[in-house]
Amino acid sequence: MAGTESDPRVFFAAERTLLAWVRTGIAIIAIGFVVSRFGLFIQLLAVQSESAAASEMPADHTVLSAALGIAFVVAGTFSIVFAAYQHRRFINTLPFNDRPAAYSTKFAVLLASMVALLGTALTAYLVISQP
């Protein structure tokens, strides 16, 4: 292959990698949300249960569940931010010929940034809404 020919395969491979990290980050965020709310679910079950053992369940379980869930959401958000940063750094090292013509090289980073912003908003919501 001559040096003047365009080969956008490297760019598209990098973009697929970024989007795979975005999917992974979304999955980690979703797990964090479920873990965060699982303590509230257990607390609701304890309230509805009539047994003495369930009514004496400590609130530490809810706090631990919330803390672990928030940590997962933060980790997922961080993974998306870091992946977007790495992608942008790598794209800047590509020669102009390896970048596809008439294709936005910023869209995937913009998408990752929006998902990371939503992850940050979810983190704030979970912190504020904890009992």
N, C-alpha and C. Protein backbone atom coordinates (compact mmCIF):
# COMPACT_ATOMS: atom_id res chain seq x y z
N MET A 1 0.84 -1.18 0.00
CA MET A 1 0.00 0.00 0.00
C MET A 1 0.88 1.24 0.00
N ALA A 2 0.64 2.13 -0.89
CA ALA A 2 1.43 3.35 -1.01
C ALA A 2 1.15 4.28 0.16
N GLY A 3 2.10 5.13 0.48
CA GLY A 3 1.97 6.03 1.61
C GLY A 3 0.96 7.14 1.40
N THR A 4 0.56 7.39 0.15
CA THR A 4 -0.38 8.47 -0.11
C THR A 4 -1.83 8.00 -0.11
N GLU A 5 -2.05 6.69 -0.10
CA GLU A 5 -3.42 6.18 -0.11
C GLU A 5 -4.04 6.30 1.28
N SER A 6 -5.34 6.50 1.28
CA SER A 6 -6.06 6.62 2.54
C SER A 6 -6.38 5.24 3.09
N ASP A 7 -6.17 5.06 4.38
CA ASP A 7 -6.51 3.80 5.05
C ASP A 7 -7.22 4.13 6.36
N PRO A 8 -8.54 4.33 6.32
CA PRO A 8 -9.26 4.72 7.54
C PRO A 8 -9.55 3.55 8.49
N ARG A 9 -9.06 2.35 8.19
CA ARG A 9 -9.35 1.20 9.05
C ARG A 9 -8.82 1.40 10.47
N VAL A 10 -7.69 2.05 10.60
CA VAL A 10 -7.12 2.29 11.93
C VAL A 10 -8.03 3.21 12.73
N PHE A 11 -8.54 4.24 12.08
CA PHE A 11 -9.45 5.17 12.75
C PHE A 11 -10.72 4.45 13.20
N PHE A 12 -11.31 3.66 12.29
CA PHE A 12 -12.55 2.97 12.64
C PHE A 12 -12.33 1.92 13.73
N ALA A 13 -11.17 1.30 13.75
CA ALA A 13 -10.86 0.35 14.83
C ALA A 13 -10.78 1.10 16.17
N ALA A 14 -10.16 2.27 16.15
CA ALA A 14 -10.08 3.08 17.39
C ALA A 14 -11.47 3.52 17.83
N GLU A 15 -12.32 3.88 16.86
CA GLU A 15 -13.68 4.30 17.21
C GLU A 15 -14.49 3.13 17.76
N ARG A 16 -14.33 1.94 17.20
CA ARG A 16 -15.01 0.76 17.75
C ARG A 16 -14.55 0.48 19.17
N THR A 17 -13.27 0.67 19.42
CA THR A 17 -12.75 0.46 20.77
C THR A 17 -13.36 1.46 21.75
N LEU A 18 -13.44 2.73 21.34
CA LEU A 18 -14.07 3.74 22.20
C LEU A 18 -15.52 3.36 22.49
N LEU A 19 -16.26 2.98 21.47
CA LEU A 19 -17.67 2.65 21.68
C LEU A 19 -17.83 1.40 22.53
N ALA A 20 -16.88 0.47 22.44
CA ALA A 20 -16.92 -0.71 23.33
C ALA A 20 -16.71 -0.28 24.78
N TRP A 21 -15.81 0.68 25.00
CA TRP A 21 -15.61 1.19 26.36
C TRP A 21 -16.82 1.96 26.85
N VAL A 22 -17.50 2.66 25.95
CA VAL A 22 -18.73 3.35 26.34
C VAL A 22 -19.78 2.33 26.78
N ARG A 23 -19.92 1.25 26.01
CA ARG A 23 -20.88 0.19 26.40
C ARG A 23 -20.50 -0.42 27.74
N THR A 24 -19.22 -0.66 27.95
CA THR A 24 -18.76 -1.22 29.23
C THR A 24 -19.06 -0.25 30.38
N GLY A 25 -18.80 1.03 30.15
CA GLY A 25 -19.08 2.03 31.18
C GLY A 25 -20.56 2.11 31.50
N ILE A 26 -21.41 2.04 30.47
CA ILE A 26 -22.86 2.05 30.70
C ILE A 26 -23.27 0.83 31.51
N ALA A 27 -22.70 -0.32 31.22
CA ALA A 27 -23.02 -1.54 31.98
C ALA A 27 -22.60 -1.39 33.44
N ILE A 28 -21.43 -0.83 33.69
CA ILE A 28 -20.97 -0.63 35.06
C ILE A 28 -21.87 0.37 35.78
N ILE A 29 -22.28 1.42 35.09
CA ILE A 29 -23.20 2.40 35.68
C ILE A 29 -24.53 1.74 36.02
N ALA A 30 -25.04 0.91 35.13
CA ALA A 30 -26.32 0.22 35.38
C ALA A 30 -26.21 -0.71 36.59
N ILE A 31 -25.11 -1.44 36.69
CA ILE A 31 -24.91 -2.31 37.85
C ILE A 31 -24.86 -1.46 39.13
N GLY A 32 -24.20 -0.32 39.06
CA GLY A 32 -24.14 0.56 40.22
C GLY A 32 -25.49 1.06 40.65
N PHE A 33 -26.33 1.42 39.68
CA PHE A 33 -27.67 1.89 40.02
C PHE A 33 -28.48 0.77 40.69
N VAL A 34 -28.38 -0.43 40.16
CA VAL A 34 -29.12 -1.56 40.74
C VAL A 34 -28.62 -1.86 42.15
N VAL A 35 -27.31 -1.87 42.34
CA VAL A 35 -26.76 -2.13 43.67
C VAL A 35 -27.17 -1.02 44.64
N SER A 36 -27.14 0.20 44.18
CA SER A 36 -27.52 1.33 45.04
C SER A 36 -28.96 1.22 45.51
N ARG A 37 -29.84 0.82 44.64
CA ARG A 37 -31.25 0.73 44.99
C ARG A 37 -31.64 -0.60 45.63
N PHE A 38 -30.74 -1.58 45.62
CA PHE A 38 -31.06 -2.88 46.21
C PHE A 38 -31.25 -2.77 47.72
N GLY A 39 -30.48 -1.92 48.38
CA GLY A 39 -30.65 -1.74 49.82
C GLY A 39 -32.02 -1.20 50.16
N LEU A 40 -32.54 -0.29 49.35
CA LEU A 40 -33.90 0.22 49.57
C LEU A 40 -34.94 -0.88 49.36
N PHE A 41 -34.70 -1.74 48.38
CA PHE A 41 -35.61 -2.85 48.13
C PHE A 41 -35.65 -3.80 49.33
N ILE A 42 -34.49 -4.12 49.88
CA ILE A 42 -34.43 -4.98 51.06
C ILE A 42 -35.12 -4.32 52.25
N GLN A 43 -34.95 -3.01 52.39
CA GLN A 43 -35.59 -2.27 53.48
C GLN A 43 -37.11 -2.31 53.32
N LEU A 44 -37.61 -2.18 52.10
CA LEU A 44 -39.05 -2.27 51.87
C LEU A 44 -39.58 -3.66 52.20
N LEU A 45 -38.82 -4.67 51.84
CA LEU A 45 -39.24 -6.03 52.19
C LEU A 45 -39.27 -6.23 53.69
N ALA A 46 -38.33 -5.64 54.40
CA ALA A 46 -38.29 -5.77 55.85
C ALA A 46 -39.48 -5.08 56.50
N VAL A 47 -39.90 -3.96 55.96
CA VAL A 47 -41.04 -3.23 56.51
C VAL A 47 -42.32 -4.02 56.29
N GLN A 48 -42.45 -4.63 55.12
CA GLN A 48 -43.66 -5.38 54.80
C GLN A 48 -43.72 -6.73 55.51
N SER A 49 -42.57 -7.23 55.92
CA SER A 49 -42.53 -8.50 56.60
C SER A 49 -42.98 -8.32 58.05
N GLU A 50 -43.63 -9.32 58.59
CA GLU A 50 -44.14 -9.21 59.97
C GLU A 50 -43.23 -9.90 60.98
N SER A 51 -42.13 -10.47 60.52
CA SER A 51 -41.27 -11.17 61.47
C SER A 51 -40.43 -10.17 62.27
N ALA A 52 -40.07 -10.54 63.48
CA ALA A 52 -39.30 -9.66 64.35
C ALA A 52 -37.87 -9.49 63.83
N ALA A 53 -37.33 -10.52 63.22
CA ALA A 53 -35.95 -10.44 62.72
C ALA A 53 -35.85 -9.43 61.58
N ALA A 54 -36.85 -9.39 60.74
CA ALA A 54 -36.82 -8.47 59.60
C ALA A 54 -36.99 -7.03 60.06
N SER A 55 -37.79 -6.80 61.10
CA SER A 55 -38.00 -5.43 61.54
C SER A 55 -36.79 -4.88 62.29
N GLU A 56 -35.90 -5.76 62.75
CA GLU A 56 -34.71 -5.32 63.45
C GLU A 56 -33.49 -5.26 62.54
N MET A 57 -33.69 -5.31 61.24
CA MET A 57 -32.59 -5.27 60.28
C MET A 57 -31.89 -3.92 60.36
N PRO A 58 -30.56 -3.92 60.51
CA PRO A 58 -29.85 -2.64 60.64
C PRO A 58 -29.86 -1.85 59.35
N ALA A 59 -29.79 -0.53 59.49
CA ALA A 59 -29.78 0.36 58.33
C ALA A 59 -28.42 0.37 57.64
N ASP A 60 -27.41 -0.30 58.24
CA ASP A 60 -26.08 -0.34 57.64
C ASP A 60 -26.10 -0.98 56.26
N HIS A 61 -27.00 -1.94 56.07
CA HIS A 61 -27.09 -2.60 54.77
C HIS A 61 -27.49 -1.61 53.68
N THR A 62 -28.39 -0.73 53.98
CA THR A 62 -28.83 0.27 53.01
C THR A 62 -27.70 1.25 52.70
N VAL A 63 -26.98 1.65 53.72
CA VAL A 63 -25.87 2.59 53.53
C VAL A 63 -24.75 1.93 52.73
N LEU A 64 -24.43 0.69 53.04
CA LEU A 64 -23.38 -0.03 52.32
C LEU A 64 -23.78 -0.25 50.86
N SER A 65 -25.02 -0.61 50.63
CA SER A 65 -25.51 -0.80 49.27
C SER A 65 -25.43 0.50 48.48
N ALA A 66 -25.83 1.59 49.10
CA ALA A 66 -25.78 2.89 48.43
C ALA A 66 -24.34 3.28 48.11
N ALA A 67 -23.44 3.08 49.05
CA ALA A 67 -22.04 3.45 48.84
C ALA A 67 -21.40 2.62 47.72
N LEU A 68 -21.66 1.32 47.74
CA LEU A 68 -21.12 0.46 46.67
C LEU A 68 -21.71 0.83 45.31
N GLY A 69 -22.99 1.10 45.28
CA GLY A 69 -23.63 1.48 44.03
C GLY A 69 -23.08 2.77 43.47
N ILE A 70 -22.90 3.75 44.34
CA ILE A 70 -22.34 5.03 43.90
C ILE A 70 -20.90 4.83 43.40
N ALA A 71 -20.15 3.97 44.07
CA ALA A 71 -18.78 3.69 43.63
C ALA A 71 -18.78 3.06 42.23
N PHE A 72 -19.72 2.16 41.96
CA PHE A 72 -19.83 1.56 40.63
C PHE A 72 -20.18 2.62 39.58
N VAL A 73 -21.10 3.50 39.90
CA VAL A 73 -21.50 4.55 38.95
C VAL A 73 -20.31 5.47 38.66
N VAL A 74 -19.58 5.83 39.69
CA VAL A 74 -18.39 6.68 39.49
C VAL A 74 -17.34 5.94 38.65
N ALA A 75 -17.13 4.66 38.91
CA ALA A 75 -16.15 3.88 38.14
C ALA A 75 -16.56 3.78 36.67
N GLY A 76 -17.84 3.55 36.42
CA GLY A 76 -18.31 3.49 35.04
C GLY A 76 -18.17 4.81 34.32
N THR A 77 -18.49 5.89 35.01
CA THR A 77 -18.34 7.23 34.42
C THR A 77 -16.88 7.54 34.14
N PHE A 78 -16.01 7.21 35.08
CA PHE A 78 -14.58 7.44 34.89
C PHE A 78 -14.05 6.63 33.71
N SER A 79 -14.50 5.40 33.56
CA SER A 79 -14.01 4.58 32.44
C SER A 79 -14.40 5.20 31.10
N ILE A 80 -15.58 5.79 31.01
CA ILE A 80 -16.01 6.44 29.78
C ILE A 80 -15.17 7.69 29.52
N VAL A 81 -14.95 8.49 30.55
CA VAL A 81 -14.16 9.72 30.39
C VAL A 81 -12.73 9.38 29.97
N PHE A 82 -12.14 8.40 30.61
CA PHE A 82 -10.76 8.03 30.30
C PHE A 82 -10.66 7.45 28.89
N ALA A 83 -11.64 6.64 28.49
CA ALA A 83 -11.63 6.08 27.14
C ALA A 83 -11.76 7.17 26.08
N ALA A 84 -12.60 8.16 26.32
CA ALA A 84 -12.73 9.28 25.38
C ALA A 84 -11.43 10.07 25.30
N TYR A 85 -10.80 10.28 26.43
CA TYR A 85 -9.52 10.99 26.45
C TYR A 85 -8.45 10.23 25.66
N GLN A 86 -8.37 8.91 25.91
CA GLN A 86 -7.40 8.09 25.19
C GLN A 86 -7.67 8.09 23.69
N HIS A 87 -8.95 8.00 23.32
CA HIS A 87 -9.33 7.99 21.91
C HIS A 87 -8.91 9.30 21.24
N ARG A 88 -9.20 10.41 21.88
CA ARG A 88 -8.86 11.71 21.31
C ARG A 88 -7.34 11.84 21.15
N ARG A 89 -6.59 11.39 22.15
CA ARG A 89 -5.13 11.43 22.05
C ARG A 89 -4.62 10.58 20.89
N PHE A 90 -5.21 9.40 20.72
CA PHE A 90 -4.77 8.52 19.64
C PHE A 90 -5.12 9.09 18.28
N ILE A 91 -6.32 9.62 18.13
CA ILE A 91 -6.75 10.19 16.85
C ILE A 91 -5.84 11.35 16.45
N ASN A 92 -5.40 12.12 17.41
CA ASN A 92 -4.51 13.24 17.10
C ASN A 92 -3.15 12.78 16.59
N THR A 93 -2.76 11.53 16.85
CA THR A 93 -1.48 11.02 16.35
C THR A 93 -1.58 10.42 14.95
N LEU A 94 -2.81 10.19 14.47
CA LEU A 94 -2.98 9.59 13.15
C LEU A 94 -2.61 10.58 12.05
N PRO A 95 -1.98 10.09 10.99
CA PRO A 95 -1.75 10.96 9.84
C PRO A 95 -3.07 11.34 9.18
N PHE A 96 -3.07 12.46 8.53
CA PHE A 96 -4.30 12.96 7.91
C PHE A 96 -4.90 11.96 6.92
N ASN A 97 -4.04 11.20 6.23
CA ASN A 97 -4.54 10.22 5.25
C ASN A 97 -5.31 9.08 5.90
N ASP A 98 -5.04 8.79 7.15
CA ASP A 98 -5.73 7.69 7.83
C ASP A 98 -7.05 8.12 8.45
N ARG A 99 -7.37 9.38 8.37
CA ARG A 99 -8.66 9.87 8.87
C ARG A 99 -9.65 9.86 7.71
N PRO A 100 -10.83 9.32 7.92
CA PRO A 100 -11.79 9.24 6.81
C PRO A 100 -12.26 10.62 6.37
N ALA A 101 -12.38 10.77 5.07
CA ALA A 101 -12.85 12.04 4.51
C ALA A 101 -14.35 12.16 4.72
N ALA A 102 -14.82 13.37 4.94
CA ALA A 102 -16.25 13.67 5.09
C ALA A 102 -16.90 12.84 6.21
N TYR A 103 -16.17 12.63 7.28
CA TYR A 103 -16.69 11.86 8.42
C TYR A 103 -16.29 12.61 9.69
N SER A 104 -17.23 12.78 10.59
CA SER A 104 -16.95 13.50 11.82
C SER A 104 -16.08 12.64 12.74
N THR A 105 -14.91 13.10 13.02
CA THR A 105 -14.03 12.38 13.93
C THR A 105 -14.32 12.72 15.39
N LYS A 106 -15.25 13.63 15.62
CA LYS A 106 -15.55 14.08 16.98
C LYS A 106 -16.86 13.52 17.53
N PHE A 107 -17.67 12.87 16.69
CA PHE A 107 -18.99 12.43 17.13
C PHE A 107 -18.91 11.40 18.26
N ALA A 108 -18.03 10.42 18.14
CA ALA A 108 -17.94 9.38 19.17
C ALA A 108 -17.47 9.97 20.50
N VAL A 109 -16.56 10.93 20.44
CA VAL A 109 -16.11 11.58 21.67
C VAL A 109 -17.23 12.42 22.27
N LEU A 110 -18.01 13.07 21.43
CA LEU A 110 -19.16 13.84 21.91
C LEU A 110 -20.18 12.92 22.58
N LEU A 111 -20.45 11.79 21.96
CA LEU A 111 -21.38 10.81 22.54
C LEU A 111 -20.86 10.32 23.89
N ALA A 112 -19.58 9.98 23.95
CA ALA A 112 -19.00 9.51 25.21
C ALA A 112 -19.07 10.60 26.28
N SER A 113 -18.85 11.83 25.88
CA SER A 113 -18.92 12.94 26.84
C SER A 113 -20.33 13.13 27.38
N MET A 114 -21.32 12.99 26.50
CA MET A 114 -22.72 13.12 26.96
C MET A 114 -23.09 12.00 27.91
N VAL A 115 -22.67 10.78 27.63
CA VAL A 115 -22.96 9.65 28.53
C VAL A 115 -22.24 9.85 29.86
N ALA A 116 -21.01 10.34 29.83
CA ALA A 116 -20.28 10.60 31.07
C ALA A 116 -20.96 11.70 31.88
N LEU A 117 -21.47 12.71 31.20
CA LEU A 117 -22.21 13.77 31.90
C LEU A 117 -23.46 13.21 32.56
N LEU A 118 -24.17 12.35 31.87
CA LEU A 118 -25.35 11.70 32.46
C LEU A 118 -24.96 10.80 33.64
N GLY A 119 -23.81 10.14 33.53
CA GLY A 119 -23.32 9.34 34.66
C GLY A 119 -23.01 10.20 35.87
N THR A 120 -22.46 11.37 35.62
CA THR A 120 -22.19 12.31 36.71
C THR A 120 -23.49 12.80 37.34
N ALA A 121 -24.49 13.08 36.50
CA ALA A 121 -25.79 13.51 37.02
C ALA A 121 -26.44 12.38 37.84
N LEU A 122 -26.29 11.14 37.38
CA LEU A 122 -26.84 10.01 38.14
C LEU A 122 -26.13 9.87 39.48
N THR A 123 -24.83 10.08 39.49
CA THR A 123 -24.08 10.03 40.75
C THR A 123 -24.60 11.08 41.73
N ALA A 124 -24.80 12.29 41.22
CA ALA A 124 -25.32 13.36 42.09
C ALA A 124 -26.71 13.00 42.61
N TYR A 125 -27.55 12.46 41.74
CA TYR A 125 -28.90 12.07 42.16
C TYR A 125 -28.84 11.00 43.25
N LEU A 126 -27.99 10.00 43.07
CA LEU A 126 -27.90 8.93 44.07
C LEU A 126 -27.37 9.45 45.41
N VAL A 127 -26.43 10.37 45.36
CA VAL A 127 -25.89 10.94 46.61
C VAL A 127 -26.96 11.76 47.32
N ILE A 128 -27.68 12.57 46.56
CA ILE A 128 -28.71 13.44 47.15
C ILE A 128 -29.90 12.66 47.67
N SER A 129 -30.29 11.61 46.97
CA SER A 129 -31.52 10.90 47.32
C SER A 129 -31.34 9.79 48.34
N GLN A 130 -30.15 9.61 48.88
CA GLN A 130 -29.96 8.56 49.88
C GLN A 130 -30.61 8.97 51.19
N PRO A 131 -31.26 8.00 51.85
CA PRO A 131 -31.93 8.32 53.12
C PRO A 131 -30.96 8.61 54.24
